[in-house]
C-alpha atoms as a PDB file:
ATOM      1  CA  MET A   1       0.329   0.456  -0.028  1.00  0.00           C
ATOM      2  CA  PRO A   2       1.901   2.756  -1.241  1.00  0.00           C
ATOM      3  CA  LEU A   3       1.451   6.400   0.166  1.00  0.00           C
ATOM      4  CA  GLU A   4       0.601   9.162  -0.988  1.00  0.00           C
ATOM      5  CA  GLN A   5       2.393  11.738  -1.982  1.00  0.00           C
ATOM      6  CA  GLU A   6       1.566  14.273   0.056  1.00  0.00           C
ATOM      7  CA  GLU A   7       2.221  12.250   3.168  1.00  0.00           C
ATOM      8  CA  VAL A   8       6.294  11.892   1.742  1.00  0.00           C
ATOM      9  CA  LEU A   9       5.878  15.255   1.352  1.00  0.00           C
ATOM     10  CA  HIS A  10       4.323  16.133   4.684  1.00  0.00           C
ATOM     11  CA  LEU A  11       7.082  13.391   6.310  1.00  0.00           C
ATOM     12  CA  ALA A  12       9.761  14.788   4.317  1.00  0.00           C
ATOM     13  CA  SER A  13       9.668  18.658   5.870  1.00  0.00           C
ATOM     14  CA  LEU A  14       9.055  16.900   9.288  1.00  0.00           C
ATOM     15  CA  VAL A  15      12.635  16.182   8.810  1.00  0.00           C
ATOM     16  CA  ARG A  16      13.331  18.922   7.039  1.00  0.00           C
ATOM     17  CA  LEU A  17      14.433  16.743   3.721  1.00  0.00           C
ATOM     18  CA  GLY A  18      13.968  18.396   0.067  1.00  0.00           C
ATOM     19  CA  LEU A  19      12.843  15.290  -2.324  1.00  0.00           C
ATOM     20  CA  SER A  20      13.311  14.944  -5.575  1.00  0.00           C
ATOM     21  CA  GLU A  21      10.045  13.725  -7.640  1.00  0.00           C
ATOM     22  CA  GLU A  22      12.023  10.211  -8.076  1.00  0.00           C
ATOM     23  CA  GLU A  23      13.093  10.075  -4.362  1.00  0.00           C
ATOM     24  CA  ILE A  24       8.954  10.801  -4.090  1.00  0.00           C
ATOM     25  CA  ASP A  25       8.361   7.594  -5.606  1.00  0.00           C
ATOM     26  CA  LYS A  26      11.115   5.371  -4.697  1.00  0.00           C
ATOM     27  CA  PHE A  27       9.572   6.489  -0.412  1.00  0.00           C
ATOM     28  CA  ARG A  28       6.264   6.090  -1.817  1.00  0.00           C
ATOM     29  CA  HIS A  29       7.340   2.527  -1.978  1.00  0.00           C
ATOM     30  CA  GLN A  30       9.443   2.023   0.721  1.00  0.00           C
ATOM     31  CA  LEU A  31       7.805   3.670   3.131  1.00  0.00           C
ATOM     32  CA  GLY A  32       4.385   1.371   2.391  1.00  0.00           C
ATOM     33  CA  GLN A  33       6.302  -1.440   2.425  1.00  0.00           C
ATOM     34  CA  ILE A  34       7.108  -0.986   5.824  1.00  0.00           C
ATOM     35  CA  LEU A  35       3.410  -0.170   6.672  1.00  0.00           C
ATOM     36  CA  ASP A  36       2.380  -3.214   5.237  1.00  0.00           C
ATOM     37  CA  TYR A  37       5.137  -5.015   7.284  1.00  0.00           C
ATOM     38  CA  PHE A  38       3.794  -3.165  10.559  1.00  0.00           C
ATOM     39  CA  GLN A  39      -0.072  -4.177   9.849  1.00  0.00           C
ATOM     40  CA  SER A  40       1.124  -7.995   9.616  1.00  0.00           C
ATOM     41  CA  LEU A  41       2.783  -7.512  12.642  1.00  0.00           C
ATOM     42  CA  GLN A  42       0.166  -6.230  14.099  1.00  0.00           C
ATOM     43  CA  GLU A  43      -2.093  -9.905  12.983  1.00  0.00           C
ATOM     44  CA  LEU A  44       0.247 -11.695  15.408  1.00  0.00           C
ATOM     45  CA  ASP A  45      -1.472 -12.994  18.697  1.00  0.00           C
ATOM     46  CA  THR A  46       1.319 -12.207  21.360  1.00  0.00           C
ATOM     47  CA  GLU A  47      -0.661 -12.730  24.157  1.00  0.00           C
ATOM     48  CA  GLY A  48       1.887 -14.208  26.873  1.00  0.00           C
ATOM     49  CA  VAL A  49       4.882 -12.789  25.671  1.00  0.00           C
ATOM     50  CA  PRO A  50       6.137 -10.637  27.875  1.00  0.00           C
ATOM     51  CA  PRO A  51       7.153  -7.021  27.289  1.00  0.00           C
ATOM     52  CA  THR A  52      11.307  -6.719  26.231  1.00  0.00           C
ATOM     53  CA  SER A  53      13.242  -3.352  25.433  1.00  0.00           C
ATOM     54  CA  HIS A  54      15.626  -5.601  23.521  1.00  0.00           C
ATOM     55  CA  VAL A  55      15.359  -8.144  21.447  1.00  0.00           C
ATOM     56  CA  ILE A  56      18.917 -10.041  22.340  1.00  0.00           C
ATOM     57  CA  PRO A  57      20.374 -10.194  25.399  1.00  0.00           C
ATOM     58  CA  LEU A  58      22.752  -7.455  26.614  1.00  0.00           C
ATOM     59  CA  ARG A  59      25.919  -7.746  28.402  1.00  0.00           C
ATOM     60  CA  ASN A  60      28.018  -5.593  29.812  1.00  0.00           C
ATOM     61  CA  VAL A  61      30.529  -4.135  27.384  1.00  0.00           C
ATOM     62  CA  MET A  62      32.755  -2.640  29.813  1.00  0.00           C
ATOM     63  CA  ARG A  63      36.347  -4.281  30.912  1.00  0.00           C
ATOM     64  CA  ASP A  64      36.539  -6.270  33.120  1.00  0.00           C
ATOM     65  CA  ASP A  65      39.726  -6.356  33.993  1.00  0.00           C
ATOM     66  CA  VAL A  66      41.389  -4.290  37.085  1.00  0.00           C
ATOM     67  CA  PRO A  67      43.101  -1.136  36.989  1.00  0.00           C
ATOM     68  CA  ALA A  68      46.934  -0.406  36.794  1.00  0.00           C
ATOM     69  CA  LEU A  69      49.595   2.299  37.688  1.00  0.00           C
ATOM     70  CA  SER A  70      49.918   3.886  34.362  1.00  0.00           C
ATOM     71  CA  MET A  71      53.305   5.046  33.627  1.00  0.00           C
ATOM     72  CA  ALA A  72      55.389   7.641  35.424  1.00  0.00           C
ATOM     73  CA  ARG A  73      54.900  11.442  33.453  1.00  0.00           C
ATOM     74  CA  ASP A  74      58.827  11.585  33.678  1.00  0.00           C
ATOM     75  CA  ASP A  75      59.315   8.046  31.255  1.00  0.00           C
ATOM     76  CA  VAL A  76      56.476   9.049  29.238  1.00  0.00           C
ATOM     77  CA  LEU A  77      57.464  12.505  28.193  1.00  0.00           C
ATOM     78  CA  ALA A  78      61.002  10.704  27.751  1.00  0.00           C
ATOM     79  CA  ASN A  79      60.623  10.870  24.085  1.00  0.00           C
ATOM     80  CA  ALA A  80      58.588  14.126  23.408  1.00  0.00           C
ATOM     81  CA  PRO A  81      59.701  16.570  20.769  1.00  0.00           C
ATOM     82  CA  ASP A  82      58.569  19.218  22.663  1.00  0.00           C
ATOM     83  CA  GLN A  83      57.068  19.204  26.482  1.00  0.00           C
ATOM     84  CA  GLU A  84      56.913  22.597  28.924  1.00  0.00           C
ATOM     85  CA  ASP A  85      56.197  21.854  32.631  1.00  0.00           C
ATOM     86  CA  GLY A  86      55.262  18.276  32.683  1.00  0.00           C
ATOM     87  CA  TYR A  87      52.589  18.230  29.489  1.00  0.00           C
ATOM     88  CA  PHE A  88      53.429  18.135  25.725  1.00  0.00           C
ATOM     89  CA  ARG A  89      53.821  20.975  23.846  1.00  0.00           C
ATOM     90  CA  VAL A  90      52.135  21.576  20.777  1.00  0.00           C
ATOM     91  CA  ARG A  91      51.966  23.919  18.344  1.00  0.00           C
ATOM     92  CA  ALA A  92      48.682  26.168  19.149  1.00  0.00           C
ATOM     93  CA  VAL A  93      45.738  25.300  16.900  1.00  0.00           C
ATOM     94  CA  PHE A  94      43.346  28.731  17.595  1.00  0.00           C
ATOM     95  CA  GLU A  95      44.368  31.906  17.239  1.00  0.00           C
ATOM     96  CA  GLU A  96      42.821  35.362  19.193  1.00  0.00           C
END
Protein backbone atom coordinates (compact mmCIF):
# COMPACT_ATOMS: atom_id res chain seq x y z
CA MET A 1 0.00 0.00 0.00
CA PRO A 2 2.06 2.97 -1.22
CA LEU A 3 1.55 6.24 0.60
CA GLU A 4 0.12 9.28 -1.10
CA GLN A 5 2.59 11.83 -2.44
CA GLU A 6 1.28 14.44 0.02
CA GLU A 7 2.02 12.11 2.96
CA VAL A 8 5.61 11.59 1.82
CA LEU A 9 6.05 15.34 1.33
CA HIS A 10 4.63 15.97 4.81
CA LEU A 11 7.07 13.46 6.34
CA ALA A 12 9.92 15.02 4.38
CA SER A 13 9.01 18.48 5.65
CA LEU A 14 8.96 17.22 9.25
CA VAL A 15 12.55 16.00 8.95
CA ARG A 16 13.59 18.91 6.72
CA LEU A 17 14.39 16.84 3.63
CA GLY A 18 14.17 18.11 0.11
CA LEU A 19 13.12 15.27 -2.19
CA SER A 20 13.18 14.97 -5.96
CA GLU A 21 10.25 13.43 -7.85
CA GLU A 22 12.17 10.14 -8.19
CA GLU A 23 12.87 10.05 -4.45
CA ILE A 24 9.22 10.76 -3.65
CA ASP A 25 8.13 7.78 -5.77
CA LYS A 26 10.84 5.58 -4.27
CA PHE A 27 9.91 6.52 -0.69
CA ARG A 28 6.18 6.13 -1.35
CA HIS A 29 6.82 2.50 -2.24
CA GLN A 30 9.37 1.80 0.52
CA LEU A 31 7.38 3.45 3.31
CA GLY A 32 4.28 1.60 2.13
CA GLN A 33 6.14 -1.71 2.43
CA ILE A 34 7.24 -0.82 5.95
CA LEU A 35 3.68 0.03 6.99
CA ASP A 36 2.40 -3.21 5.42
CA TYR A 37 4.95 -5.15 7.44
CA PHE A 38 3.85 -3.43 10.65
CA GLN A 39 0.25 -4.27 9.78
CA SER A 40 1.18 -7.96 9.52
CA LEU A 41 2.87 -7.71 12.92
CA GLN A 42 -0.35 -6.30 14.40
CA GLU A 43 -2.10 -9.55 13.44
CA LEU A 44 0.24 -11.71 15.55
CA ASP A 45 -1.07 -13.20 18.78
CA THR A 46 1.22 -11.88 21.49
CA GLU A 47 -0.87 -13.01 24.44
CA GLY A 48 1.44 -14.34 27.16
CA VAL A 49 4.59 -12.90 25.58
CA PRO A 50 6.38 -10.72 28.13
CA PRO A 51 7.39 -7.24 26.98
CA THR A 52 11.09 -6.74 26.31
CA SER A 53 13.24 -3.69 25.81
CA HIS A 54 15.74 -5.45 23.52
CA VAL A 55 15.42 -8.34 21.10
CA ILE A 56 18.81 -9.78 22.03
CA PRO A 57 20.27 -10.24 25.50
CA LEU A 58 22.49 -7.41 26.65
CA ARG A 59 25.89 -7.91 28.17
CA ASN A 60 28.25 -5.58 29.90
CA VAL A 61 30.69 -4.14 27.39
CA MET A 62 32.97 -2.60 29.97
CA ARG A 63 36.40 -4.04 30.59
CA ASP A 64 36.52 -6.57 33.39
CA ASP A 65 40.20 -6.17 34.23
CA VAL A 66 41.56 -4.40 37.28
CA PRO A 67 43.00 -0.89 36.80
CA ALA A 68 46.75 -0.74 37.17
CA LEU A 69 49.19 2.06 37.71
CA SER A 70 50.05 3.99 34.58
CA MET A 71 53.51 4.95 33.39
CA ALA A 72 55.44 7.58 35.26
CA ARG A 73 55.17 11.07 33.78
CA ASP A 74 58.92 11.29 33.17
CA ASP A 75 58.88 8.01 31.23
CA VAL A 76 55.97 9.19 29.10
CA LEU A 77 57.60 12.53 28.33
CA ALA A 78 61.09 11.04 27.77
CA ASN A 79 60.69 10.89 23.97
CA ALA A 80 58.41 13.91 23.57
CA PRO A 81 59.74 16.28 20.91
CA ASP A 82 58.73 19.27 23.05
CA GLN A 83 57.52 19.49 26.63
CA GLU A 84 56.89 22.16 29.20
CA ASP A 85 56.09 21.89 32.92
CA GLY A 86 55.41 18.15 32.69
CA TYR A 87 53.04 18.37 29.68
CA PHE A 88 53.36 17.80 25.95
CA ARG A 89 53.87 21.08 24.16
CA VAL A 90 52.04 21.32 20.84
CA ARG A 91 51.59 23.98 18.22
CA ALA A 92 48.68 26.35 18.82
CA VAL A 93 45.61 25.51 16.78
CA PHE A 94 43.53 28.60 17.46
CA GLU A 95 44.82 32.11 17.20
CA GLU A 96 43.39 34.98 19.18
